Amino acid sequence: MANARPFAKYALPWWWALRYQCPKQFDVGKPHLLKANRIFSQCDWIKSARRRCDFPDQQKTEFPLPEVAFVGQPNSGKSSLLKGMFHEDVKVTVSKHEHCTRLAQYYGLPEKFFVVDLPGIAKNSSLWCNKINREVLQRRPWLKTIFFLVPGDVGLDDLDMEQIHNCETYHVPYTFVITKCDIVTERQLRRTIAQINAVLTDEWKFRSYKEVFLTSATESIGLDELKCYIIARCGLM
């Protein structure tokens, strides 16, 4: 396992080896990691958005900036993951309570790219938090990928599958990120990986990227790969 991350400064946990059960791994080189860390160290909170008119106006821009967005059910670890990737001075609100993120939060570098932290998916499809999530997906060609955050101990359920269907409908690429790997059992994590693999091998799922990321915001493991992947998708590598 040491060969997988030769420049890591920490011992890799047991669950890191399970990433090789996923269809594809995103390999990180040290030069790319240095560049990704440099870019993310310059990121900051930009604005909040409750509706489409609050989004950064890219319709009239000749060269729209690339966006990536993080979506998942309440308490799936979206804000914690972003807090771990950004500089400690960046304002990211983290809470153990559901629906802590009530608006779409825009982060990033205004001249390079945007990272969007979306509100948690709610069971009632008429709620405003679901509406803003759908508005982010619709007719936004500069949205490079949606990151689906799936807690390792919970796995996918019907709400997640509905969001995946929305991505397929609106032709938005998506990538899976398994969170909270440090607090799950091996049986739970293997089950979640098997669920995601089943989605990725579905012949009707055309928009999914095959990379699957295993992460722990608490232990700061898997965040390097995610940062490099984001700048690669945004064309900044």
C-alpha atoms as a PDB file:
ATOM      1  CA  MET A   1       0.000   0.000   0.000  1.00  0.00           C
ATOM      2  CA  ALA A   2       2.931   2.314   0.474  1.00  0.00           C
ATOM      3  CA  ASN A   3       3.394   2.341  -3.293  1.00  0.00           C
ATOM      4  CA  ALA A   4      -0.091   3.806  -3.741  1.00  0.00           C
ATOM      5  CA  ARG A   5       0.769   6.990  -1.839  1.00  0.00           C
ATOM      6  CA  PRO A   6       4.596   7.235  -1.617  1.00  0.00           C
ATOM      7  CA  PHE A   7       4.482  10.867  -0.492  1.00  0.00           C
ATOM      8  CA  ALA A   8       1.813  10.398   2.187  1.00  0.00           C
ATOM      9  CA  LYS A   9       2.808  11.553   5.664  1.00  0.00           C
ATOM     10  CA  TYR A  10       0.397   9.278   7.471  1.00  0.00           C
ATOM     11  CA  ALA A  11      -0.263   5.567   7.797  1.00  0.00           C
ATOM     12  CA  LEU A  12      -3.067   4.427   5.534  1.00  0.00           C
ATOM     13  CA  PRO A  13      -6.106   2.896   7.307  1.00  0.00           C
ATOM     14  CA  TRP A  14      -7.615  -0.521   6.576  1.00  0.00           C
ATOM     15  CA  TRP A  15     -10.436   0.876   4.432  1.00  0.00           C
ATOM     16  CA  TRP A  16      -8.082   2.537   1.929  1.00  0.00           C
ATOM     17  CA  ALA A  17      -7.342  -0.838   0.312  1.00  0.00           C
ATOM     18  CA  LEU A  18     -11.053  -1.271  -0.528  1.00  0.00           C
ATOM     19  CA  ARG A  19     -10.783   1.510  -3.133  1.00  0.00           C
ATOM     20  CA  TYR A  20      -9.350  -1.141  -5.473  1.00  0.00           C
ATOM     21  CA  GLN A  21     -12.769  -2.830  -5.492  1.00  0.00           C
ATOM     22  CA  CYS A  22     -14.085   0.231  -7.345  1.00  0.00           C
ATOM     23  CA  PRO A  23     -14.064   0.255 -11.172  1.00  0.00           C
ATOM     24  CA  LYS A  24     -11.363   2.920 -11.462  1.00  0.00           C
ATOM     25  CA  GLN A  25      -8.938   4.859  -9.243  1.00  0.00           C
ATOM     26  CA  PHE A  26      -7.733   8.376  -9.861  1.00  0.00           C
ATOM     27  CA  ASP A  27      -3.939   8.346  -9.638  1.00  0.00           C
ATOM     28  CA  VAL A  28      -2.300  11.381  -8.045  1.00  0.00           C
ATOM     29  CA  GLY A  29       1.205  12.516  -8.929  1.00  0.00           C
ATOM     30  CA  LYS A  30       3.157  14.752  -6.592  1.00  0.00           C
ATOM     31  CA  PRO A  31       3.426  17.693  -9.074  1.00  0.00           C
ATOM     32  CA  HIS A  32      -0.348  17.615  -9.581  1.00  0.00           C
ATOM     33  CA  LEU A  33      -0.938  17.487  -5.835  1.00  0.00           C
ATOM     34  CA  LEU A  34       1.312  20.488  -5.250  1.00  0.00           C
ATOM     35  CA  LYS A  35      -0.604  22.447  -7.889  1.00  0.00           C
ATOM     36  CA  ALA A  36      -3.973  21.387  -6.475  1.00  0.00           C
ATOM     37  CA  ASN A  37      -2.955  22.393  -2.954  1.00  0.00           C
ATOM     38  CA  ARG A  38      -1.736  25.753  -4.228  1.00  0.00           C
ATOM     39  CA  ILE A  39      -5.023  26.422  -6.014  1.00  0.00           C
ATOM     40  CA  PHE A  40      -7.206  25.343  -3.096  1.00  0.00           C
ATOM     41  CA  SER A  41      -5.144  27.400  -0.646  1.00  0.00           C
ATOM     42  CA  GLN A  42      -6.278  30.485  -2.584  1.00  0.00           C
ATOM     43  CA  CYS A  43      -9.973  29.585  -2.596  1.00  0.00           C
ATOM     44  CA  ASP A  44     -12.506  31.511  -0.552  1.00  0.00           C
ATOM     45  CA  TRP A  45     -16.230  31.752   0.081  1.00  0.00           C
ATOM     46  CA  ILE A  46     -17.846  33.774  -2.704  1.00  0.00           C
ATOM     47  CA  LYS A  47     -21.602  34.003  -2.178  1.00  0.00           C
ATOM     48  CA  SER A  48     -24.833  32.251  -1.173  1.00  0.00           C
ATOM     49  CA  ALA A  49     -27.678  31.549  -3.572  1.00  0.00           C
ATOM     50  CA  ARG A  50     -31.311  30.720  -2.816  1.00  0.00           C
ATOM     51  CA  ARG A  51     -32.622  30.772  -6.408  1.00  0.00           C
ATOM     52  CA  ARG A  52     -31.351  30.815  -9.984  1.00  0.00           C
ATOM     53  CA  CYS A  53     -31.143  34.613 -10.123  1.00  0.00           C
ATOM     54  CA  ASP A  54     -28.629  34.492  -7.240  1.00  0.00           C
ATOM     55  CA  PHE A  55     -26.193  32.227  -9.117  1.00  0.00           C
ATOM     56  CA  PRO A  56     -23.029  33.800 -10.551  1.00  0.00           C
ATOM     57  CA  ASP A  57     -24.073  35.267 -13.895  1.00  0.00           C
ATOM     58  CA  GLN A  58     -22.288  33.146 -16.483  1.00  0.00           C
ATOM     59  CA  GLN A  59     -24.897  33.267 -19.239  1.00  0.00           C
ATOM     60  CA  LYS A  60     -23.500  36.536 -20.616  1.00  0.00           C
ATOM     61  CA  THR A  61     -19.853  35.611 -20.091  1.00  0.00           C
ATOM     62  CA  GLU A  62     -17.830  34.745 -23.172  1.00  0.00           C
ATOM     63  CA  PHE A  63     -15.805  32.147 -21.267  1.00  0.00           C
ATOM     64  CA  PRO A  64     -17.921  30.731 -18.411  1.00  0.00           C
ATOM     65  CA  LEU A  65     -15.945  29.385 -15.479  1.00  0.00           C
ATOM     66  CA  PRO A  66     -16.173  25.647 -14.783  1.00  0.00           C
ATOM     67  CA  GLU A  67     -18.211  24.503 -11.800  1.00  0.00           C
ATOM     68  CA  VAL A  68     -18.360  21.368  -9.691  1.00  0.00           C
ATOM     69  CA  ALA A  69     -21.080  20.755  -7.111  1.00  0.00           C
ATOM     70  CA  PHE A  70     -21.412  18.576  -4.024  1.00  0.00           C
ATOM     71  CA  VAL A  71     -24.775  16.998  -3.276  1.00  0.00           C
ATOM     72  CA  GLY A  72     -26.014  14.406  -0.821  1.00  0.00           C
ATOM     73  CA  GLN A  73     -28.512  13.727   1.896  1.00  0.00           C
ATOM     74  CA  PRO A  74     -28.404  15.713   5.168  1.00  0.00           C
ATOM     75  CA  ASN A  75     -25.384  14.820   7.312  1.00  0.00           C
ATOM     76  CA  SER A  76     -23.630  13.088   4.427  1.00  0.00           C
ATOM     77  CA  GLY A  77     -20.498  15.141   5.147  1.00  0.00           C
ATOM     78  CA  LYS A  78     -20.543  17.694   2.305  1.00  0.00           C
ATOM     79  CA  SER A  79     -19.535  20.717   4.360  1.00  0.00           C
ATOM     80  CA  SER A  80     -17.018  18.757   6.439  1.00  0.00           C
ATOM     81  CA  LEU A  81     -15.325  17.509   3.281  1.00  0.00           C
ATOM     82  CA  LEU A  82     -15.096  21.022   1.828  1.00  0.00           C
ATOM     83  CA  LYS A  83     -13.793  22.405   5.103  1.00  0.00           C
ATOM     84  CA  GLY A  84     -11.013  19.818   4.952  1.00  0.00           C
ATOM     85  CA  MET A  85     -10.062  20.783   1.384  1.00  0.00           C
ATOM     86  CA  PHE A  86     -10.053  24.558   1.810  1.00  0.00           C
ATOM     87  CA  HIS A  87      -7.778  26.784   3.866  1.00  0.00           C
ATOM     88  CA  GLU A  88      -8.764  26.975   7.532  1.00  0.00           C
ATOM     89  CA  ASP A  89      -9.752  30.651   7.164  1.00  0.00           C
ATOM     90  CA  VAL A  90     -12.470  29.865   4.583  1.00  0.00           C
ATOM     91  CA  LYS A  91     -15.967  30.173   6.070  1.00  0.00           C
ATOM     92  CA  VAL A  92     -17.556  26.706   5.916  1.00  0.00           C
ATOM     93  CA  THR A  93     -20.365  26.029   8.388  1.00  0.00           C
ATOM     94  CA  VAL A  94     -20.344  22.484   9.776  1.00  0.00           C
ATOM     95  CA  SER A  95     -22.963  21.013  12.107  1.00  0.00           C
ATOM     96  CA  LYS A  96     -24.210  17.645  13.343  1.00  0.00           C
ATOM     97  CA  HIS A  97     -27.785  18.783  12.733  1.00  0.00           C
ATOM     98  CA  GLU A  98     -29.634  18.184   9.486  1.00  0.00           C
ATOM     99  CA  HIS A  99     -30.047  20.941   6.876  1.00  0.00           C
ATOM    100  CA  CYS A 100     -27.181  23.018   8.214  1.00  0.00           C
ATOM    101  CA  THR A 101     -26.537  24.071   4.599  1.00  0.00           C
ATOM    102  CA  ARG A 102     -29.774  25.866   3.706  1.00  0.00           C
ATOM    103  CA  LEU A 103     -28.528  27.733   0.619  1.00  0.00           C
ATOM    104  CA  ALA A 104     -26.233  26.908  -2.269  1.00  0.00           C
ATOM    105  CA  GLN A 105     -22.814  28.061  -1.071  1.00  0.00           C
ATOM    106  CA  TYR A 106     -20.319  29.128  -3.736  1.00  0.00           C
ATOM    107  CA  TYR A 107     -16.579  28.770  -3.085  1.00  0.00           C
ATOM    108  CA  GLY A 108     -13.546  28.879  -5.340  1.00  0.00           C
ATOM    109  CA  LEU A 109     -11.477  31.373  -7.300  1.00  0.00           C
ATOM    110  CA  PRO A 110     -13.566  33.926  -9.250  1.00  0.00           C
ATOM    111  CA  GLU A 111     -11.130  33.871 -12.171  1.00  0.00           C
ATOM    112  CA  LYS A 112     -10.679  30.062 -12.313  1.00  0.00           C
ATOM    113  CA  PHE A 113     -13.544  27.875 -11.052  1.00  0.00           C
ATOM    114  CA  PHE A 114     -16.459  27.483  -8.616  1.00  0.00           C
ATOM    115  CA  VAL A 115     -17.181  24.773  -6.048  1.00  0.00           C
ATOM    116  CA  VAL A 116     -20.843  24.617  -4.973  1.00  0.00           C
ATOM    117  CA  ASP A 117     -22.028  23.154  -1.662  1.00  0.00           C
ATOM    118  CA  LEU A 118     -25.706  22.287  -2.227  1.00  0.00           C
ATOM    119  CA  PRO A 119     -28.381  21.858   0.478  1.00  0.00           C
ATOM    120  CA  GLY A 120     -29.097  18.334   1.637  1.00  0.00           C
ATOM    121  CA  ILE A 121     -31.627  16.326  -0.355  1.00  0.00           C
ATOM    122  CA  ALA A 122     -35.019  16.320   1.365  1.00  0.00           C
ATOM    123  CA  LYS A 123     -37.737  13.659   1.218  1.00  0.00           C
ATOM    124  CA  ASN A 124     -40.372  16.205   0.180  1.00  0.00           C
ATOM    125  CA  SER A 125     -39.589  17.007  -3.455  1.00  0.00           C
ATOM    126  CA  SER A 126     -41.487  20.320  -3.226  1.00  0.00           C
ATOM    127  CA  LEU A 127     -39.118  21.813  -0.640  1.00  0.00           C
ATOM    128  CA  TRP A 128     -37.022  24.802  -1.718  1.00  0.00           C
ATOM    129  CA  CYS A 129     -33.748  22.957  -1.033  1.00  0.00           C
ATOM    130  CA  ASN A 130     -34.655  20.354  -3.680  1.00  0.00           C
ATOM    131  CA  LYS A 131     -35.747  23.077  -6.078  1.00  0.00           C
ATOM    132  CA  ILE A 132     -32.398  24.864  -5.891  1.00  0.00           C
ATOM    133  CA  ASN A 133     -30.608  21.548  -6.429  1.00  0.00           C
ATOM    134  CA  ARG A 134     -32.631  20.968  -9.612  1.00  0.00           C
ATOM    135  CA  GLU A 135     -31.951  24.519 -10.805  1.00  0.00           C
ATOM    136  CA  VAL A 136     -28.204  23.939 -10.484  1.00  0.00           C
ATOM    137  CA  LEU A 137     -28.538  20.865 -12.732  1.00  0.00           C
ATOM    138  CA  GLN A 138     -30.697  22.421 -15.432  1.00  0.00           C
ATOM    139  CA  ARG A 139     -29.204  23.997 -18.543  1.00  0.00           C
ATOM    140  CA  ARG A 140     -25.780  24.745 -17.076  1.00  0.00           C
ATOM    141  CA  PRO A 141     -23.171  23.462 -19.560  1.00  0.00           C
ATOM    142  CA  TRP A 142     -20.276  24.743 -17.440  1.00  0.00           C
ATOM    143  CA  LEU A 143     -21.192  22.304 -14.642  1.00  0.00           C
ATOM    144  CA  LYS A 144     -18.403  19.749 -15.103  1.00  0.00           C
ATOM    145  CA  THR A 145     -19.501  17.152 -12.570  1.00  0.00           C
ATOM    146  CA  ILE A 146     -21.783  16.556  -9.610  1.00  0.00           C
ATOM    147  CA  PHE A 147     -20.157  14.796  -6.653  1.00  0.00           C
ATOM    148  CA  PHE A 148     -22.618  12.437  -4.972  1.00  0.00           C
ATOM    149  CA  LEU A 149     -21.640  12.077  -1.332  1.00  0.00           C
ATOM    150  CA  VAL A 150     -22.670   8.723   0.114  1.00  0.00           C
ATOM    151  CA  PRO A 151     -21.998   7.925   3.806  1.00  0.00           C
ATOM    152  CA  GLY A 152     -20.196   4.604   3.973  1.00  0.00           C
ATOM    153  CA  ASP A 153     -22.428   3.302   6.757  1.00  0.00           C
ATOM    154  CA  VAL A 154     -25.694   4.262   5.039  1.00  0.00           C
ATOM    155  CA  GLY A 155     -25.231   3.589   1.329  1.00  0.00           C
ATOM    156  CA  LEU A 156     -27.554   4.567  -1.512  1.00  0.00           C
ATOM    157  CA  ASP A 157     -31.304   4.847  -1.122  1.00  0.00           C
ATOM    158  CA  ASP A 158     -34.279   6.006  -3.203  1.00  0.00           C
ATOM    159  CA  LEU A 159     -33.502   9.722  -2.746  1.00  0.00           C
ATOM    160  CA  ASP A 160     -29.988   9.212  -4.086  1.00  0.00           C
ATOM    161  CA  MET A 161     -31.294   7.235  -7.051  1.00  0.00           C
ATOM    162  CA  GLU A 162     -33.747  10.048  -7.818  1.00  0.00           C
ATOM    163  CA  GLN A 163     -30.870  12.533  -7.945  1.00  0.00           C
ATOM    164  CA  ILE A 164     -28.900  10.190 -10.208  1.00  0.00           C
ATOM    165  CA  HIS A 165     -31.929  10.010 -12.493  1.00  0.00           C
ATOM    166  CA  ASN A 166     -32.010  13.834 -12.583  1.00  0.00           C
ATOM    167  CA  CYS A 167     -28.359  13.917 -13.644  1.00  0.00           C
ATOM    168  CA  GLU A 168     -29.069  11.443 -16.406  1.00  0.00           C
ATOM    169  CA  THR A 169     -32.097  13.475 -17.507  1.00  0.00           C
ATOM    170  CA  TYR A 170     -30.181  16.763 -17.647  1.00  0.00           C
ATOM    171  CA  HIS A 171     -27.011  15.160 -19.089  1.00  0.00           C
ATOM    172  CA  VAL A 172     -24.845  16.144 -16.106  1.00  0.00           C
ATOM    173  CA  PRO A 173     -21.779  13.969 -15.372  1.00  0.00           C
ATOM    174  CA  TYR A 174     -21.539  12.677 -11.807  1.00  0.00           C
ATOM    175  CA  THR A 175     -18.941  11.084  -9.550  1.00  0.00           C
ATOM    176  CA  PHE A 176     -19.399   9.131  -6.320  1.00  0.00           C
ATOM    177  CA  VAL A 177     -17.630  10.046  -3.070  1.00  0.00           C
ATOM    178  CA  ILE A 178     -17.967   7.699  -0.095  1.00  0.00           C
ATOM    179  CA  THR A 179     -17.666   9.666   3.151  1.00  0.00           C
ATOM    180  CA  LYS A 180     -17.092   8.884   6.837  1.00  0.00           C
ATOM    181  CA  CYS A 181     -15.037   5.800   6.016  1.00  0.00           C
ATOM    182  CA  ASP A 182     -13.265   6.106   9.377  1.00  0.00           C
ATOM    183  CA  ILE A 183     -16.437   5.236  11.341  1.00  0.00           C
ATOM    184  CA  VAL A 184     -17.816   2.353   9.283  1.00  0.00           C
ATOM    185  CA  THR A 185     -17.389  -1.380   9.564  1.00  0.00           C
ATOM    186  CA  GLU A 186     -15.829  -3.352   6.731  1.00  0.00           C
ATOM    187  CA  ARG A 187     -19.162  -5.037   6.037  1.00  0.00           C
ATOM    188  CA  GLN A 188     -20.960  -1.673   5.724  1.00  0.00           C
ATOM    189  CA  LEU A 189     -18.305  -0.238   3.420  1.00  0.00           C
ATOM    190  CA  ARG A 190     -18.243  -3.295   1.166  1.00  0.00           C
ATOM    191  CA  ARG A 191     -22.030  -3.104   0.858  1.00  0.00           C
ATOM    192  CA  THR A 192     -21.906   0.582  -0.124  1.00  0.00           C
ATOM    193  CA  ILE A 193     -19.175  -0.053  -2.695  1.00  0.00           C
ATOM    194  CA  ALA A 194     -21.223  -2.922  -4.152  1.00  0.00           C
ATOM    195  CA  GLN A 195     -24.266  -0.625  -4.469  1.00  0.00           C
ATOM    196  CA  ILE A 196     -22.246   2.016  -6.318  1.00  0.00           C
ATOM    197  CA  ASN A 197     -20.609  -0.569  -8.574  1.00  0.00           C
ATOM    198  CA  ALA A 198     -24.079  -1.796  -9.519  1.00  0.00           C
ATOM    199  CA  VAL A 199     -25.023   1.755 -10.592  1.00  0.00           C
ATOM    200  CA  LEU A 200     -21.809   2.227 -12.545  1.00  0.00           C
ATOM    201  CA  THR A 201     -22.279  -1.037 -14.458  1.00  0.00           C
ATOM    202  CA  ASP A 202     -25.928  -0.289 -15.316  1.00  0.00           C
ATOM    203  CA  GLU A 203     -26.087  -0.109 -19.126  1.00  0.00           C
ATOM    204  CA  TRP A 204     -28.560   2.791 -18.895  1.00  0.00           C
ATOM    205  CA  LYS A 205     -26.224   4.979 -16.826  1.00  0.00           C
ATOM    206  CA  PHE A 206     -24.282   6.953 -19.417  1.00  0.00           C
ATOM    207  CA  ARG A 207     -23.252  10.065 -17.476  1.00  0.00           C
ATOM    208  CA  SER A 208     -21.322   8.567 -14.582  1.00  0.00           C
ATOM    209  CA  TYR A 209     -17.562   8.809 -14.278  1.00  0.00           C
ATOM    210  CA  LYS A 210     -16.085   5.528 -13.119  1.00  0.00           C
ATOM    211  CA  GLU A 211     -13.839   6.946 -10.409  1.00  0.00           C
ATOM    212  CA  VAL A 212     -15.084   6.375  -6.842  1.00  0.00           C
ATOM    213  CA  PHE A 213     -13.431   8.219  -3.950  1.00  0.00           C
ATOM    214  CA  LEU A 214     -13.146   6.875  -0.418  1.00  0.00           C
ATOM    215  CA  THR A 215     -12.718   9.705   2.076  1.00  0.00           C
ATOM    216  CA  SER A 216     -12.530  10.687   5.715  1.00  0.00           C
ATOM    217  CA  ALA A 217     -12.743  14.395   6.530  1.00  0.00           C
ATOM    218  CA  THR A 218     -11.801  13.650  10.146  1.00  0.00           C
ATOM    219  CA  GLU A 219      -8.571  11.889   9.169  1.00  0.00           C
ATOM    220  CA  SER A 220      -7.996  14.063   6.052  1.00  0.00           C
ATOM    221  CA  ILE A 221      -7.597  10.966   3.903  1.00  0.00           C
ATOM    222  CA  GLY A 222      -8.778  10.883   0.304  1.00  0.00           C
ATOM    223  CA  LEU A 223      -8.946  14.688   0.090  1.00  0.00           C
ATOM    224  CA  ASP A 224      -5.729  14.975  -1.956  1.00  0.00           C
ATOM    225  CA  GLU A 225      -7.165  12.760  -4.682  1.00  0.00           C
ATOM    226  CA  LEU A 226     -10.416  14.713  -4.674  1.00  0.00           C
ATOM    227  CA  LYS A 227      -8.672  18.086  -5.038  1.00  0.00           C
ATOM    228  CA  CYS A 228      -6.574  16.846  -7.951  1.00  0.00           C
ATOM    229  CA  TYR A 229      -9.637  15.338  -9.604  1.00  0.00           C
ATOM    230  CA  ILE A 230     -11.558  18.621  -9.308  1.00  0.00           C
ATOM    231  CA  ILE A 231      -8.860  20.738 -10.943  1.00  0.00           C
ATOM    232  CA  ALA A 232      -8.477  18.074 -13.652  1.00  0.00           C
ATOM    233  CA  ARG A 233     -12.205  18.154 -14.451  1.00  0.00           C
ATOM    234  CA  CYS A 234     -12.092  21.955 -14.490  1.00  0.00           C
ATOM    235  CA  GLY A 235      -9.189  21.936 -16.965  1.00  0.00           C
ATOM    236  CA  LEU A 236      -6.707  23.454 -14.507  1.00  0.00           C
ATOM    237  CA  MET A 237      -4.273  20.519 -14.242  1.00  0.00           C
END
